[in-house]
Amino acid sequence: MNMNERELIETVVGAAFEVSNTLGCGFLEKVYERAMTKEIRLRGLRVKTQVSYSVIYKEQLVGEYFADLVVEDKLVLN
């Protein structure tokens, strides 16, 4: 789906509200992550889970960063 940054953010925020309103509170993080993945896909967007990024500091690898969700290869959610 081709949308600008504002539309992308609004769509993802809408998905987050839908998940929150539907599930309520009290579940472990993984349940919400899976529900968000499903809801974002239902809205026609591409989403990847647990995406790994190498962290470089002054040309040295200092660790790995794991993003919970990456939407349309543009928006990182944790």
PDB file of N, CA and C in Angstrom:
ATOM      1  N   MET A   1       0.850  -1.172   0.000  1.00  0.00           N
ATOM      2  CA  MET A   1       0.000   0.000   0.000  1.00  0.00           C
ATOM      3  C   MET A   1       0.895   1.234   0.000  1.00  0.00           C
ATOM      4  N   ASN A   2       0.575   2.190  -0.819  1.00  0.00           N
ATOM      5  CA  ASN A   2       1.372   3.405  -0.915  1.00  0.00           C
ATOM      6  C   ASN A   2       0.663   4.532  -0.181  1.00  0.00           C
ATOM      7  N   MET A   3       1.238   4.971   0.930  1.00  0.00           N
ATOM      8  CA  MET A   3       0.657   6.075   1.682  1.00  0.00           C
ATOM      9  C   MET A   3       1.776   6.926   2.254  1.00  0.00           C
ATOM     10  N   ASN A   4       1.438   8.174   2.548  1.00  0.00           N
ATOM     11  CA  ASN A   4       2.459   9.050   3.122  1.00  0.00           C
ATOM     12  C   ASN A   4       2.641   8.722   4.602  1.00  0.00           C
ATOM     13  N   GLU A   5       3.629   9.353   5.212  1.00  0.00           N
ATOM     14  CA  GLU A   5       3.970   9.043   6.602  1.00  0.00           C
ATOM     15  C   GLU A   5       2.806   9.306   7.555  1.00  0.00           C
ATOM     16  N   ARG A   6       2.115  10.394   7.355  1.00  0.00           N
ATOM     17  CA  ARG A   6       0.987  10.745   8.236  1.00  0.00           C
ATOM     18  C   ARG A   6      -0.105   9.682   8.158  1.00  0.00           C
ATOM     19  N   GLU A   7      -0.450   9.274   6.950  1.00  0.00           N
ATOM     20  CA  GLU A   7      -1.481   8.246   6.777  1.00  0.00           C
ATOM     21  C   GLU A   7      -1.041   6.922   7.406  1.00  0.00           C
ATOM     22  N   LEU A   8       0.220   6.587   7.240  1.00  0.00           N
ATOM     23  CA  LEU A   8       0.759   5.359   7.820  1.00  0.00           C
ATOM     24  C   LEU A   8       0.633   5.393   9.343  1.00  0.00           C
ATOM     25  N   ILE A   9       1.049   6.491   9.944  1.00  0.00           N
ATOM     26  CA  ILE A   9       0.978   6.621  11.400  1.00  0.00           C
ATOM     27  C   ILE A   9      -0.476   6.571  11.869  1.00  0.00           C
ATOM     28  N   GLU A  10      -1.360   7.278  11.186  1.00  0.00           N
ATOM     29  CA  GLU A  10      -2.772   7.271  11.572  1.00  0.00           C
ATOM     30  C   GLU A  10      -3.372   5.870  11.478  1.00  0.00           C
ATOM     31  N   THR A  11      -2.996   5.124  10.464  1.00  0.00           N
ATOM     32  CA  THR A  11      -3.504   3.765  10.306  1.00  0.00           C
ATOM     33  C   THR A  11      -3.009   2.859  11.425  1.00  0.00           C
ATOM     34  N   VAL A  12      -1.738   2.982  11.771  1.00  0.00           N
ATOM     35  CA  VAL A  12      -1.168   2.145  12.830  1.00  0.00           C
ATOM     36  C   VAL A  12      -1.736   2.530  14.191  1.00  0.00           C
ATOM     37  N   VAL A  13      -1.908   3.811  14.444  1.00  0.00           N
ATOM     38  CA  VAL A  13      -2.517   4.248  15.705  1.00  0.00           C
ATOM     39  C   VAL A  13      -3.950   3.736  15.797  1.00  0.00           C
ATOM     40  N   GLY A  14      -4.679   3.788  14.691  1.00  0.00           N
ATOM     41  CA  GLY A  14      -6.028   3.238  14.666  1.00  0.00           C
ATOM     42  C   GLY A  14      -6.041   1.751  14.979  1.00  0.00           C
ATOM     43  N   ALA A  15      -5.060   1.036  14.461  1.00  0.00           N
ATOM     44  CA  ALA A  15      -4.937  -0.397  14.746  1.00  0.00           C
ATOM     45  C   ALA A  15      -4.663  -0.619  16.230  1.00  0.00           C
ATOM     46  N   ALA A  16      -3.822   0.216  16.817  1.00  0.00           N
ATOM     47  CA  ALA A  16      -3.504   0.086  18.241  1.00  0.00           C
ATOM     48  C   ALA A  16      -4.743   0.321  19.099  1.00  0.00           C
ATOM     49  N   PHE A  17      -5.549   1.313  18.753  1.00  0.00           N
ATOM     50  CA  PHE A  17      -6.787   1.552  19.485  1.00  0.00           C
ATOM     51  C   PHE A  17      -7.742   0.372  19.349  1.00  0.00           C
ATOM     52  N   GLU A  18      -7.839  -0.181  18.164  1.00  0.00           N
ATOM     53  CA  GLU A  18      -8.708  -1.331  17.945  1.00  0.00           C
ATOM     54  C   GLU A  18      -8.286  -2.518  18.801  1.00  0.00           C
ATOM     55  N   VAL A  19      -7.001  -2.793  18.829  1.00  0.00           N
ATOM     56  CA  VAL A  19      -6.486  -3.901  19.641  1.00  0.00           C
ATOM     57  C   VAL A  19      -6.756  -3.630  21.118  1.00  0.00           C
ATOM     58  N   SER A  20      -6.461  -2.426  21.572  1.00  0.00           N
ATOM     59  CA  SER A  20      -6.662  -2.070  22.974  1.00  0.00           C
ATOM     60  C   SER A  20      -8.135  -2.166  23.371  1.00  0.00           C
ATOM     61  N   ASN A  21      -9.006  -1.633  22.537  1.00  0.00           N
ATOM     62  CA  ASN A  21     -10.442  -1.657  22.834  1.00  0.00           C
ATOM     63  C   ASN A  21     -11.009  -3.066  22.797  1.00  0.00           C
ATOM     64  N   THR A  22     -10.476  -3.908  21.933  1.00  0.00           N
ATOM     65  CA  THR A  22     -10.984  -5.274  21.797  1.00  0.00           C
ATOM     66  C   THR A  22     -10.462  -6.187  22.894  1.00  0.00           C
ATOM     67  N   LEU A  23      -9.167  -6.122  23.174  1.00  0.00           N
ATOM     68  CA  LEU A  23      -8.571  -7.029  24.156  1.00  0.00           C
ATOM     69  C   LEU A  23      -8.641  -6.507  25.590  1.00  0.00           C
ATOM     70  N   GLY A  24      -8.628  -5.190  25.735  1.00  0.00           N
ATOM     71  CA  GLY A  24      -8.548  -4.640  27.085  1.00  0.00           C
ATOM     72  C   GLY A  24      -7.144  -4.828  27.636  1.00  0.00           C
ATOM     73  N   CYS A  25      -7.030  -4.799  28.959  1.00  0.00           N
ATOM     74  CA  CYS A  25      -5.708  -4.921  29.570  1.00  0.00           C
ATOM     75  C   CYS A  25      -5.565  -6.260  30.284  1.00  0.00           C
ATOM     76  N   GLY A  26      -4.335  -6.591  30.617  1.00  0.00           N
ATOM     77  CA  GLY A  26      -4.079  -7.763  31.430  1.00  0.00           C
ATOM     78  C   GLY A  26      -3.337  -8.898  30.757  1.00  0.00           C
ATOM     79  N   PHE A  27      -3.082  -8.782  29.463  1.00  0.00           N
ATOM     80  CA  PHE A  27      -2.373  -9.842  28.768  1.00  0.00           C
ATOM     81  C   PHE A  27      -0.880  -9.544  28.712  1.00  0.00           C
ATOM     82  N   LEU A  28      -0.091 -10.563  28.450  1.00  0.00           N
ATOM     83  CA  LEU A  28       1.336 -10.370  28.252  1.00  0.00           C
ATOM     84  C   LEU A  28       1.580  -9.658  26.928  1.00  0.00           C
ATOM     85  N   GLU A  29       2.746  -9.029  26.835  1.00  0.00           N
ATOM     86  CA  GLU A  29       3.099  -8.225  25.663  1.00  0.00           C
ATOM     87  C   GLU A  29       2.964  -9.006  24.357  1.00  0.00           C
ATOM     88  N   LYS A  30       3.340 -10.273  24.354  1.00  0.00           N
ATOM     89  CA  LYS A  30       3.337 -11.076  23.129  1.00  0.00           C
ATOM     90  C   LYS A  30       1.927 -11.171  22.540  1.00  0.00           C
ATOM     91  N   VAL A  31       0.905 -11.232  23.376  1.00  0.00           N
ATOM     92  CA  VAL A  31      -0.483 -11.291  22.895  1.00  0.00           C
ATOM     93  C   VAL A  31      -0.827 -10.017  22.127  1.00  0.00           C
ATOM     94  N   TYR A  32      -0.449  -8.868  22.681  1.00  0.00           N
ATOM     95  CA  TYR A  32      -0.723  -7.596  22.006  1.00  0.00           C
ATOM     96  C   TYR A  32       0.090  -7.466  20.714  1.00  0.00           C
ATOM     97  N   GLU A  33       1.319  -7.945  20.740  1.00  0.00           N
ATOM     98  CA  GLU A  33       2.153  -7.910  19.531  1.00  0.00           C
ATOM     99  C   GLU A  33       1.508  -8.724  18.408  1.00  0.00           C
ATOM    100  N   ARG A  34       1.029  -9.906  18.735  1.00  0.00           N
ATOM    101  CA  ARG A  34       0.379 -10.752  17.725  1.00  0.00           C
ATOM    102  C   ARG A  34      -0.927 -10.135  17.233  1.00  0.00           C
ATOM    103  N   ALA A  35      -1.685  -9.548  18.151  1.00  0.00           N
ATOM    104  CA  ALA A  35      -2.937  -8.896  17.751  1.00  0.00           C
ATOM    105  C   ALA A  35      -2.657  -7.686  16.862  1.00  0.00           C
ATOM    106  N   MET A  36      -1.631  -6.903  17.205  1.00  0.00           N
ATOM    107  CA  MET A  36      -1.265  -5.754  16.370  1.00  0.00           C
ATOM    108  C   MET A  36      -0.831  -6.206  14.987  1.00  0.00           C
ATOM    109  N   THR A  37      -0.052  -7.272  14.925  1.00  0.00           N
ATOM    110  CA  THR A  37       0.383  -7.802  13.633  1.00  0.00           C
ATOM    111  C   THR A  37      -0.823  -8.165  12.783  1.00  0.00           C
ATOM    112  N   LYS A  38      -1.770  -8.862  13.373  1.00  0.00           N
ATOM    113  CA  LYS A  38      -2.973  -9.265  12.654  1.00  0.00           C
ATOM    114  C   LYS A  38      -3.781  -8.046  12.207  1.00  0.00           C
ATOM    115  N   GLU A  39      -3.985  -7.084  13.113  1.00  0.00           N
ATOM    116  CA  GLU A  39      -4.793  -5.901  12.793  1.00  0.00           C
ATOM    117  C   GLU A  39      -4.133  -5.048  11.716  1.00  0.00           C
ATOM    118  N   ILE A  40      -2.832  -4.881  11.784  1.00  0.00           N
ATOM    119  CA  ILE A  40      -2.121  -4.094  10.770  1.00  0.00           C
ATOM    120  C   ILE A  40      -2.254  -4.761   9.409  1.00  0.00           C
ATOM    121  N   ARG A  41      -2.133  -6.077   9.371  1.00  0.00           N
ATOM    122  CA  ARG A  41      -2.298  -6.800   8.095  1.00  0.00           C
ATOM    123  C   ARG A  41      -3.731  -6.708   7.589  1.00  0.00           C
ATOM    124  N   LEU A  42      -4.700  -6.742   8.489  1.00  0.00           N
ATOM    125  CA  LEU A  42      -6.105  -6.590   8.086  1.00  0.00           C
ATOM    126  C   LEU A  42      -6.342  -5.227   7.438  1.00  0.00           C
ATOM    127  N   ARG A  43      -5.538  -4.263   7.797  1.00  0.00           N
ATOM    128  CA  ARG A  43      -5.652  -2.916   7.235  1.00  0.00           C
ATOM    129  C   ARG A  43      -4.831  -2.753   5.951  1.00  0.00           C
ATOM    130  N   GLY A  44      -4.283  -3.857   5.462  1.00  0.00           N
ATOM    131  CA  GLY A  44      -3.609  -3.858   4.167  1.00  0.00           C
ATOM    132  C   GLY A  44      -2.155  -3.443   4.169  1.00  0.00           C
ATOM    133  N   LEU A  45      -1.537  -3.433   5.335  1.00  0.00           N
ATOM    134  CA  LEU A  45      -0.139  -3.026   5.421  1.00  0.00           C
ATOM    135  C   LEU A  45       0.768  -4.228   5.629  1.00  0.00           C
ATOM    136  N   ARG A  46       2.019  -4.082   5.195  1.00  0.00           N
ATOM    137  CA  ARG A  46       3.037  -5.113   5.427  1.00  0.00           C
ATOM    138  C   ARG A  46       3.642  -4.884   6.800  1.00  0.00           C
ATOM    139  N   VAL A  47       3.842  -5.965   7.540  1.00  0.00           N
ATOM    140  CA  VAL A  47       4.452  -5.853   8.866  1.00  0.00           C
ATOM    141  C   VAL A  47       5.371  -7.044   9.097  1.00  0.00           C
ATOM    142  N   LYS A  48       6.539  -6.752   9.663  1.00  0.00           N
ATOM    143  CA  LYS A  48       7.500  -7.790  10.048  1.00  0.00           C
ATOM    144  C   LYS A  48       7.620  -7.758  11.564  1.00  0.00           C
ATOM    145  N   THR A  49       7.892  -8.924  12.156  1.00  0.00           N
ATOM    146  CA  THR A  49       8.026  -9.001  13.607  1.00  0.00           C
ATOM    147  C   THR A  49       9.450  -9.370  14.007  1.00  0.00           C
ATOM    148  N   GLN A  50       9.849  -8.875  15.172  1.00  0.00           N
ATOM    149  CA  GLN A  50      11.163  -9.181  15.759  1.00  0.00           C
ATOM    150  C   GLN A  50      12.305  -8.992  14.754  1.00  0.00           C
ATOM    151  N   VAL A  51      12.372  -7.809  14.201  1.00  0.00           N
ATOM    152  CA  VAL A  51      13.388  -7.471  13.209  1.00  0.00           C
ATOM    153  C   VAL A  51      14.678  -7.066  13.927  1.00  0.00           C
ATOM    154  N   SER A  52      15.767  -7.687  13.530  1.00  0.00           N
ATOM    155  CA  SER A  52      17.067  -7.459  14.164  1.00  0.00           C
ATOM    156  C   SER A  52      17.866  -6.406  13.392  1.00  0.00           C
ATOM    157  N   TYR A  53      18.463  -5.497  14.138  1.00  0.00           N
ATOM    158  CA  TYR A  53      19.347  -4.482  13.570  1.00  0.00           C
ATOM    159  C   TYR A  53      20.665  -4.497  14.344  1.00  0.00           C
ATOM    160  N   SER A  54      21.759  -4.462  13.631  1.00  0.00           N
ATOM    161  CA  SER A  54      23.061  -4.333  14.278  1.00  0.00           C
ATOM    162  C   SER A  54      23.246  -2.887  14.708  1.00  0.00           C
ATOM    163  N   VAL A  55      23.799  -2.696  15.908  1.00  0.00           N
ATOM    164  CA  VAL A  55      24.045  -1.357  16.421  1.00  0.00           C
ATOM    165  C   VAL A  55      25.542  -1.107  16.363  1.00  0.00           C
ATOM    166  N   ILE A  56      25.901  -0.078  15.615  1.00  0.00           N
ATOM    167  CA  ILE A  56      27.310   0.277  15.425  1.00  0.00           C
ATOM    168  C   ILE A  56      27.583   1.589  16.151  1.00  0.00           C
ATOM    169  N   TYR A  57      28.635   1.605  16.939  1.00  0.00           N
ATOM    170  CA  TYR A  57      29.069   2.805  17.640  1.00  0.00           C
ATOM    171  C   TYR A  57      30.535   3.033  17.306  1.00  0.00           C
ATOM    172  N   LYS A  58      30.813   4.159  16.673  1.00  0.00           N
ATOM    173  CA  LYS A  58      32.180   4.506  16.278  1.00  0.00           C
ATOM    174  C   LYS A  58      32.845   3.345  15.545  1.00  0.00           C
ATOM    175  N   GLU A  59      32.117   2.856  14.544  1.00  0.00           N
ATOM    176  CA  GLU A  59      32.564   1.792  13.643  1.00  0.00           C
ATOM    177  C   GLU A  59      32.747   0.438  14.314  1.00  0.00           C
ATOM    178  N   GLN A  60      32.207   0.264  15.522  1.00  0.00           N
ATOM    179  CA  GLN A  60      32.306  -1.005  16.232  1.00  0.00           C
ATOM    180  C   GLN A  60      30.904  -1.536  16.536  1.00  0.00           C
ATOM    181  N   LEU A  61      30.716  -2.814  16.316  1.00  0.00           N
ATOM    182  CA  LEU A  61      29.460  -3.458  16.670  1.00  0.00           C
ATOM    183  C   LEU A  61      29.363  -3.515  18.185  1.00  0.00           C
ATOM    184  N   VAL A  62      28.292  -2.938  18.743  1.00  0.00           N
ATOM    185  CA  VAL A  62      28.131  -2.930  20.196  1.00  0.00           C
ATOM    186  C   VAL A  62      26.911  -3.723  20.654  1.00  0.00           C
ATOM    187  N   GLY A  63      26.142  -4.254  19.697  1.00  0.00           N
ATOM    188  CA  GLY A  63      24.990  -5.063  20.090  1.00  0.00           C
ATOM    189  C   GLY A  63      23.969  -5.196  18.982  1.00  0.00           C
ATOM    190  N   GLU A  64      22.888  -5.843  19.348  1.00  0.00           N
ATOM    191  CA  GLU A  64      21.772  -6.035  18.429  1.00  0.00           C
ATOM    192  C   GLU A  64      20.533  -5.373  19.024  1.00  0.00           C
ATOM    193  N   TYR A  65      19.748  -4.759  18.168  1.00  0.00           N
ATOM    194  CA  TYR A  65      18.480  -4.156  18.559  1.00  0.00           C
ATOM    195  C   TYR A  65      17.379  -4.945  17.885  1.00  0.00           C
ATOM    196  N   PHE A  66      16.343  -5.283  18.624  1.00  0.00           N
ATOM    197  CA  PHE A  66      15.212  -6.020  18.066  1.00  0.00           C
ATOM    198  C   PHE A  66      13.970  -5.153  18.130  1.00  0.00           C
ATOM    199  N   ALA A  67      13.457  -4.804  16.963  1.00  0.00           N
ATOM    200  CA  ALA A  67      12.203  -4.055  16.876  1.00  0.00           C
ATOM    201  C   ALA A  67      11.053  -5.054  16.958  1.00  0.00           C
ATOM    202  N   ASP A  68      10.069  -4.765  17.787  1.00  0.00           N
ATOM    203  CA  ASP A  68       8.916  -5.668  17.891  1.00  0.00           C
ATOM    204  C   ASP A  68       8.203  -5.783  16.547  1.00  0.00           C
ATOM    205  N   LEU A  69       7.890  -4.633  15.951  1.00  0.00           N
ATOM    206  CA  LEU A  69       7.193  -4.613  14.658  1.00  0.00           C
ATOM    207  C   LEU A  69       7.809  -3.543  13.770  1.00  0.00           C
ATOM    208  N   VAL A  70       7.901  -3.828  12.475  1.00  0.00           N
ATOM    209  CA  VAL A  70       8.312  -2.835  11.483  1.00  0.00           C
ATOM    210  C   VAL A  70       7.244  -2.839  10.396  1.00  0.00           C
ATOM    211  N   VAL A  71       6.586  -1.691  10.222  1.00  0.00           N
ATOM    212  CA  VAL A  71       5.467  -1.568   9.303  1.00  0.00           C
ATOM    213  C   VAL A  71       5.932  -0.877   8.021  1.00  0.00           C
ATOM    214  N   GLU A  72       5.663  -1.532   6.893  1.00  0.00           N
ATOM    215  CA  GLU A  72       6.000  -0.978   5.565  1.00  0.00           C
ATOM    216  C   GLU A  72       7.470  -0.577   5.464  1.00  0.00           C
ATOM    217  N   ASP A  73       8.343  -1.226   6.200  1.00  0.00           N
ATOM    218  CA  ASP A  73       9.781  -0.922   6.215  1.00  0.00           C
ATOM    219  C   ASP A  73      10.084   0.534   6.539  1.00  0.00           C
ATOM    220  N   LYS A  74       9.151   1.199   7.244  1.00  0.00           N
ATOM    221  CA  LYS A  74       9.305   2.621   7.569  1.00  0.00           C
ATOM    222  C   LYS A  74       9.099   2.932   9.033  1.00  0.00           C
ATOM    223  N   LEU A  75       8.180   2.250   9.674  1.00  0.00           N
ATOM    224  CA  LEU A  75       7.743   2.614  11.024  1.00  0.00           C
ATOM    225  C   LEU A  75       8.087   1.489  11.993  1.00  0.00           C
ATOM    226  N   VAL A  76       8.849   1.829  13.042  1.00  0.00           N
ATOM    227  CA  VAL A  76       9.281   0.848  14.046  1.00  0.00           C
ATOM    228  C   VAL A  76       8.402   0.998  15.285  1.00  0.00           C
ATOM    229  N   LEU A  77       7.877  -0.135  15.765  1.00  0.00           N
ATOM    230  CA  LEU A  77       7.042  -0.146  16.972  1.00  0.00           C
ATOM    231  C   LEU A  77       7.689  -1.057  18.000  1.00  0.00           C
ATOM    232  N   ASN A  78       7.731  -0.596  19.235  1.00  0.00           N
ATOM    233  CA  ASN A  78       8.240  -1.402  20.346  1.00  0.00           C
ATOM    234  C   ASN A  78       7.279  -1.347  21.498  1.00  0.00           C
TER     235      ASN A  78
END
